[in-house]
Amino acid sequence: FSRRFTCQCYTGRTCAPKLPIHLS
């Protein structure tokens, strides 16, 4: 998921994509 997709944040939210190590 992290390699193929990024995040589109909802209004007023923060949603920086996590790196694989953080996913682990």
PDB file of all heavy atoms in Angstrom:
ATOM      1  N   PHE A   1       0.842  -1.204   0.000  1.00  0.00           N
ATOM      2  CA  PHE A   1       0.000   0.000   0.000  1.00  0.00           C
ATOM      3  C   PHE A   1       0.876   1.252   0.000  1.00  0.00           C
ATOM      4  O   PHE A   1       0.626   2.202  -0.742  1.00  0.00           O
ATOM      5  CB  PHE A   1      -0.904   0.016   1.239  1.00  0.00           C
ATOM      6  CG  PHE A   1      -2.141  -0.816   1.112  1.00  0.00           C
ATOM      7  CD1 PHE A   1      -2.670  -1.464   2.222  1.00  0.00           C
ATOM      8  CD2 PHE A   1      -2.804  -0.943  -0.104  1.00  0.00           C
ATOM      9  CE1 PHE A   1      -3.823  -2.233   2.124  1.00  0.00           C
ATOM     10  CE2 PHE A   1      -3.953  -1.722  -0.213  1.00  0.00           C
ATOM     11  CZ  PHE A   1      -4.460  -2.361   0.902  1.00  0.00           C
ATOM     12  N   SER A   2       1.908   1.272   0.839  1.00  0.00           N
ATOM     13  CA  SER A   2       2.737   2.471   0.977  1.00  0.00           C
ATOM     14  C   SER A   2       3.541   2.756  -0.281  1.00  0.00           C
ATOM     15  O   SER A   2       3.867   3.903  -0.568  1.00  0.00           O
ATOM     16  CB  SER A   2       3.682   2.330   2.172  1.00  0.00           C
ATOM     17  OG  SER A   2       4.697   1.377   1.915  1.00  0.00           O
ATOM     18  N   ARG A   3       3.888   1.708  -1.039  1.00  0.00           N
ATOM     19  CA  ARG A   3       4.642   1.900  -2.279  1.00  0.00           C
ATOM     20  C   ARG A   3       3.765   2.414  -3.421  1.00  0.00           C
ATOM     21  O   ARG A   3       4.222   3.159  -4.282  1.00  0.00           O
ATOM     22  CB  ARG A   3       5.292   0.582  -2.693  1.00  0.00           C
ATOM     23  CG  ARG A   3       6.453   0.149  -1.816  1.00  0.00           C
ATOM     24  CD  ARG A   3       6.961  -1.216  -2.241  1.00  0.00           C
ATOM     25  NE  ARG A   3       8.087  -1.653  -1.412  1.00  0.00           N
ATOM     26  CZ  ARG A   3       8.608  -2.880  -1.452  1.00  0.00           C
ATOM     27  NH1 ARG A   3       8.081  -3.787  -2.278  1.00  0.00           N
ATOM     28  NH2 ARG A   3       9.624  -3.188  -0.676  1.00  0.00           N
ATOM     29  N   ARG A   4       2.512   2.007  -3.399  1.00  0.00           N
ATOM     30  CA  ARG A   4       1.643   2.299  -4.530  1.00  0.00           C
ATOM     31  C   ARG A   4       0.691   3.471  -4.314  1.00  0.00           C
ATOM     32  O   ARG A   4       0.199   4.057  -5.278  1.00  0.00           O
ATOM     33  CB  ARG A   4       0.815   1.050  -4.865  1.00  0.00           C
ATOM     34  CG  ARG A   4       1.662  -0.108  -5.347  1.00  0.00           C
ATOM     35  CD  ARG A   4       0.816  -1.350  -5.580  1.00  0.00           C
ATOM     36  NE  ARG A   4       1.584  -2.412  -6.219  1.00  0.00           N
ATOM     37  CZ  ARG A   4       1.101  -3.599  -6.546  1.00  0.00           C
ATOM     38  NH1 ARG A   4      -0.169  -3.885  -6.249  1.00  0.00           N
ATOM     39  NH2 ARG A   4       1.857  -4.501  -7.146  1.00  0.00           N
ATOM     40  N   PHE A   5       0.432   3.793  -3.041  1.00  0.00           N
ATOM     41  CA  PHE A   5      -0.568   4.818  -2.745  1.00  0.00           C
ATOM     42  C   PHE A   5      -0.011   5.906  -1.847  1.00  0.00           C
ATOM     43  O   PHE A   5       0.959   5.701  -1.122  1.00  0.00           O
ATOM     44  CB  PHE A   5      -1.793   4.174  -2.072  1.00  0.00           C
ATOM     45  CG  PHE A   5      -2.542   3.228  -2.953  1.00  0.00           C
ATOM     46  CD1 PHE A   5      -2.193   1.880  -3.016  1.00  0.00           C
ATOM     47  CD2 PHE A   5      -3.589   3.675  -3.747  1.00  0.00           C
ATOM     48  CE1 PHE A   5      -2.870   1.002  -3.843  1.00  0.00           C
ATOM     49  CE2 PHE A   5      -4.274   2.802  -4.580  1.00  0.00           C
ATOM     50  CZ  PHE A   5      -3.911   1.462  -4.631  1.00  0.00           C
ATOM     51  N   THR A   6      -0.641   7.067  -1.928  1.00  0.00           N
ATOM     52  CA  THR A   6      -0.343   8.165  -1.021  1.00  0.00           C
ATOM     53  C   THR A   6      -1.647   8.590  -0.367  1.00  0.00           C
ATOM     54  O   THR A   6      -2.680   7.955  -0.582  1.00  0.00           O
ATOM     55  CB  THR A   6       0.318   9.332  -1.772  1.00  0.00           C
ATOM     56  OG1 THR A   6       0.728  10.332  -0.819  1.00  0.00           O
ATOM     57  CG2 THR A   6      -0.640   9.973  -2.770  1.00  0.00           C
ATOM     58  N   CYS A   7      -1.602   9.636   0.436  1.00  0.00           N
ATOM     59  CA  CYS A   7      -2.780  10.038   1.203  1.00  0.00           C
ATOM     60  C   CYS A   7      -3.364  11.363   0.716  1.00  0.00           C
ATOM     61  O   CYS A   7      -2.627  12.316   0.464  1.00  0.00           O
ATOM     62  CB  CYS A   7      -2.434  10.164   2.682  1.00  0.00           C
ATOM     63  SG  CYS A   7      -1.957   8.605   3.447  1.00  0.00           S
ATOM     64  N   GLN A   8      -4.662  11.395   0.600  1.00  0.00           N
ATOM     65  CA  GLN A   8      -5.401  12.623   0.329  1.00  0.00           C
ATOM     66  C   GLN A   8      -6.146  12.954   1.614  1.00  0.00           C
ATOM     67  O   GLN A   8      -7.102  12.278   1.982  1.00  0.00           O
ATOM     68  CB  GLN A   8      -6.379  12.405  -0.838  1.00  0.00           C
ATOM     69  CG  GLN A   8      -7.138  13.643  -1.260  1.00  0.00           C
ATOM     70  CD  GLN A   8      -8.130  13.313  -2.363  1.00  0.00           C
ATOM     71  OE1 GLN A   8      -9.161  12.693  -2.125  1.00  0.00           O
ATOM     72  NE2 GLN A   8      -7.811  13.705  -3.577  1.00  0.00           N
ATOM     73  N   CYS A   9      -5.687  13.982   2.312  1.00  0.00           N
ATOM     74  CA  CYS A   9      -6.193  14.272   3.654  1.00  0.00           C
ATOM     75  C   CYS A   9      -7.621  14.802   3.616  1.00  0.00           C
ATOM     76  O   CYS A   9      -8.002  15.538   2.712  1.00  0.00           O
ATOM     77  CB  CYS A   9      -5.296  15.292   4.354  1.00  0.00           C
ATOM     78  SG  CYS A   9      -3.589  14.743   4.563  1.00  0.00           S
ATOM     79  N   TYR A  10      -8.399  14.414   4.627  1.00  0.00           N
ATOM     80  CA  TYR A  10      -9.716  14.992   4.807  1.00  0.00           C
ATOM     81  C   TYR A  10      -9.560  16.424   5.291  1.00  0.00           C
ATOM     82  O   TYR A  10      -8.519  16.803   5.849  1.00  0.00           O
ATOM     83  CB  TYR A  10     -10.523  14.177   5.821  1.00  0.00           C
ATOM     84  CG  TYR A  10     -10.740  12.734   5.430  1.00  0.00           C
ATOM     85  CD1 TYR A  10     -10.578  11.708   6.362  1.00  0.00           C
ATOM     86  CD2 TYR A  10     -11.099  12.389   4.135  1.00  0.00           C
ATOM     87  CE1 TYR A  10     -10.768  10.375   6.007  1.00  0.00           C
ATOM     88  CE2 TYR A  10     -11.294  11.067   3.766  1.00  0.00           C
ATOM     89  CZ  TYR A  10     -11.124  10.059   4.701  1.00  0.00           C
ATOM     90  OH  TYR A  10     -11.308   8.751   4.342  1.00  0.00           O
ATOM     91  N   THR A  11     -10.579  17.230   5.090  1.00  0.00           N
ATOM     92  CA  THR A  11     -10.527  18.642   5.441  1.00  0.00           C
ATOM     93  C   THR A  11     -10.147  18.833   6.909  1.00  0.00           C
ATOM     94  O   THR A  11     -10.749  18.235   7.807  1.00  0.00           O
ATOM     95  CB  THR A  11     -11.892  19.311   5.191  1.00  0.00           C
ATOM     96  OG1 THR A  11     -12.276  19.072   3.835  1.00  0.00           O
ATOM     97  CG2 THR A  11     -11.818  20.802   5.439  1.00  0.00           C
ATOM     98  N   GLY A  12      -9.120  19.648   7.123  1.00  0.00           N
ATOM     99  CA  GLY A  12      -8.698  19.969   8.485  1.00  0.00           C
ATOM    100  C   GLY A  12      -7.916  18.874   9.178  1.00  0.00           C
ATOM    101  O   GLY A  12      -7.639  18.976  10.381  1.00  0.00           O
ATOM    102  N   ARG A  13      -7.536  17.824   8.466  1.00  0.00           N
ATOM    103  CA  ARG A  13      -6.794  16.709   9.073  1.00  0.00           C
ATOM    104  C   ARG A  13      -5.360  16.651   8.529  1.00  0.00           C
ATOM    105  O   ARG A  13      -5.067  17.150   7.453  1.00  0.00           O
ATOM    106  CB  ARG A  13      -7.485  15.378   8.758  1.00  0.00           C
ATOM    107  CG  ARG A  13      -8.937  15.299   9.187  1.00  0.00           C
ATOM    108  CD  ARG A  13      -9.080  15.031  10.666  1.00  0.00           C
ATOM    109  NE  ARG A  13     -10.462  14.774  11.026  1.00  0.00           N
ATOM    110  CZ  ARG A  13     -11.034  13.570  11.005  1.00  0.00           C
ATOM    111  NH1 ARG A  13     -10.338  12.521  10.615  1.00  0.00           N
ATOM    112  NH2 ARG A  13     -12.295  13.420  11.365  1.00  0.00           N
ATOM    113  N   THR A  14      -4.483  16.016   9.297  1.00  0.00           N
ATOM    114  CA  THR A  14      -3.109  15.761   8.875  1.00  0.00           C
ATOM    115  C   THR A  14      -2.963  14.265   8.657  1.00  0.00           C
ATOM    116  O   THR A  14      -3.351  13.467   9.516  1.00  0.00           O
ATOM    117  CB  THR A  14      -2.106  16.228   9.944  1.00  0.00           C
ATOM    118  OG1 THR A  14      -2.290  17.625  10.163  1.00  0.00           O
ATOM    119  CG2 THR A  14      -0.675  15.973   9.493  1.00  0.00           C
ATOM    120  N   CYS A  15      -2.395  13.880   7.507  1.00  0.00           N
ATOM    121  CA  CYS A  15      -2.336  12.439   7.202  1.00  0.00           C
ATOM    122  C   CYS A  15      -1.116  12.084   6.373  1.00  0.00           C
ATOM    123  O   CYS A  15      -1.219  11.413   5.363  1.00  0.00           O
ATOM    124  CB  CYS A  15      -3.611  12.021   6.470  1.00  0.00           C
ATOM    125  SG  CYS A  15      -3.830  12.800   4.848  1.00  0.00           S
ATOM    126  N   ALA A  16       0.065  12.526   6.800  1.00  0.00           N
ATOM    127  CA  ALA A  16       1.281  12.219   6.051  1.00  0.00           C
ATOM    128  C   ALA A  16       1.459  10.703   5.965  1.00  0.00           C
ATOM    129  O   ALA A  16       1.355  10.002   6.978  1.00  0.00           O
ATOM    130  CB  ALA A  16       2.482  12.844   6.738  1.00  0.00           C
ATOM    131  N   PRO A  17       1.712  10.171   4.754  1.00  0.00           N
ATOM    132  CA  PRO A  17       1.866   8.714   4.609  1.00  0.00           C
ATOM    133  C   PRO A  17       3.006   8.180   5.472  1.00  0.00           C
ATOM    134  O   PRO A  17       4.067   8.798   5.563  1.00  0.00           O
ATOM    135  CB  PRO A  17       2.177   8.536   3.113  1.00  0.00           C
ATOM    136  CG  PRO A  17       1.692   9.785   2.469  1.00  0.00           C
ATOM    137  CD  PRO A  17       1.861  10.873   3.477  1.00  0.00           C
ATOM    138  N   LYS A  18       2.773   7.051   6.122  1.00  0.00           N
ATOM    139  CA  LYS A  18       3.813   6.432   6.931  1.00  0.00           C
ATOM    140  C   LYS A  18       4.768   5.648   6.043  1.00  0.00           C
ATOM    141  O   LYS A  18       4.372   5.070   5.033  1.00  0.00           O
ATOM    142  CB  LYS A  18       3.187   5.483   7.959  1.00  0.00           C
ATOM    143  CG  LYS A  18       2.392   6.168   9.049  1.00  0.00           C
ATOM    144  CD  LYS A  18       1.872   5.126  10.035  1.00  0.00           C
ATOM    145  CE  LYS A  18       1.077   5.767  11.157  1.00  0.00           C
ATOM    146  NZ  LYS A  18       0.558   4.746  12.100  1.00  0.00           N
ATOM    147  N   LEU A  19       6.025   5.575   6.458  1.00  0.00           N
ATOM    148  CA  LEU A  19       7.006   4.764   5.762  1.00  0.00           C
ATOM    149  C   LEU A  19       6.841   3.308   6.187  1.00  0.00           C
ATOM    150  O   LEU A  19       6.254   3.015   7.233  1.00  0.00           O
ATOM    151  CB  LEU A  19       8.420   5.255   6.093  1.00  0.00           C
ATOM    152  CG  LEU A  19       8.737   6.693   5.652  1.00  0.00           C
ATOM    153  CD1 LEU A  19      10.126   7.085   6.144  1.00  0.00           C
ATOM    154  CD2 LEU A  19       8.650   6.816   4.144  1.00  0.00           C
ATOM    155  N   PRO A  20       7.363   2.371   5.389  1.00  0.00           N
ATOM    156  CA  PRO A  20       7.216   0.947   5.722  1.00  0.00           C
ATOM    157  C   PRO A  20       7.659   0.592   7.135  1.00  0.00           C
ATOM    158  O   PRO A  20       7.035  -0.220   7.806  1.00  0.00           O
ATOM    159  CB  PRO A  20       8.095   0.257   4.678  1.00  0.00           C
ATOM    160  CG  PRO A  20       8.045   1.174   3.505  1.00  0.00           C
ATOM    161  CD  PRO A  20       7.984   2.561   4.079  1.00  0.00           C
ATOM    162  N   ILE A  21       8.754   1.213   7.636  1.00  0.00           N
ATOM    163  CA  ILE A  21       9.225   0.885   8.981  1.00  0.00           C
ATOM    164  C   ILE A  21       8.192   1.275  10.024  1.00  0.00           C
ATOM    165  O   ILE A  21       7.987   0.602  11.027  1.00  0.00           O
ATOM    166  CB  ILE A  21      10.586   1.573   9.273  1.00  0.00           C
ATOM    167  CG1 ILE A  21      11.119   1.092  10.625  1.00  0.00           C
ATOM    168  CG2 ILE A  21      10.454   3.086   9.240  1.00  0.00           C
ATOM    169  CD1 ILE A  21      12.536   1.556  10.903  1.00  0.00           C
ATOM    170  N   HIS A  22       7.491   2.379   9.798  1.00  0.00           N
ATOM    171  CA  HIS A  22       6.444   2.815  10.711  1.00  0.00           C
ATOM    172  C   HIS A  22       5.227   1.905  10.609  1.00  0.00           C
ATOM    173  O   HIS A  22       4.541   1.659  11.597  1.00  0.00           O
ATOM    174  CB  HIS A  22       6.049   4.263  10.427  1.00  0.00           C
ATOM    175  CG  HIS A  22       7.168   5.237  10.664  1.00  0.00           C
ATOM    176  ND1 HIS A  22       7.441   6.279   9.813  1.00  0.00           N
ATOM    177  CD2 HIS A  22       8.106   5.288  11.643  1.00  0.00           C
ATOM    178  CE1 HIS A  22       8.485   6.950  10.264  1.00  0.00           C
ATOM    179  NE2 HIS A  22       8.902   6.369  11.366  1.00  0.00           N
ATOM    180  N   LEU A  23       4.970   1.415   9.426  1.00  0.00           N
ATOM    181  CA  LEU A  23       3.871   0.471   9.256  1.00  0.00           C
ATOM    182  C   LEU A  23       4.143  -0.788  10.057  1.00  0.00           C
ATOM    183  O   LEU A  23       3.250  -1.364  10.678  1.00  0.00           O
ATOM    184  CB  LEU A  23       3.695   0.129   7.778  1.00  0.00           C
ATOM    185  CG  LEU A  23       3.083   1.222   6.889  1.00  0.00           C
ATOM    186  CD1 LEU A  23       3.135   0.776   5.437  1.00  0.00           C
ATOM    187  CD2 LEU A  23       1.648   1.504   7.287  1.00  0.00           C
ATOM    188  N   SER A  24       5.394  -1.216  10.055  1.00  0.00           N
ATOM    189  CA  SER A  24       5.763  -2.410  10.805  1.00  0.00           C
ATOM    190  C   SER A  24       5.505  -2.203  12.287  1.00  0.00           C
ATOM    191  O   SER A  24       4.946  -3.057  12.969  1.00  0.00           O
ATOM    192  CB  SER A  24       7.237  -2.737  10.567  1.00  0.00           C
ATOM    193  OG  SER A  24       7.637  -3.830  11.358  1.00  0.00           O
TER     194      SER A  24
END
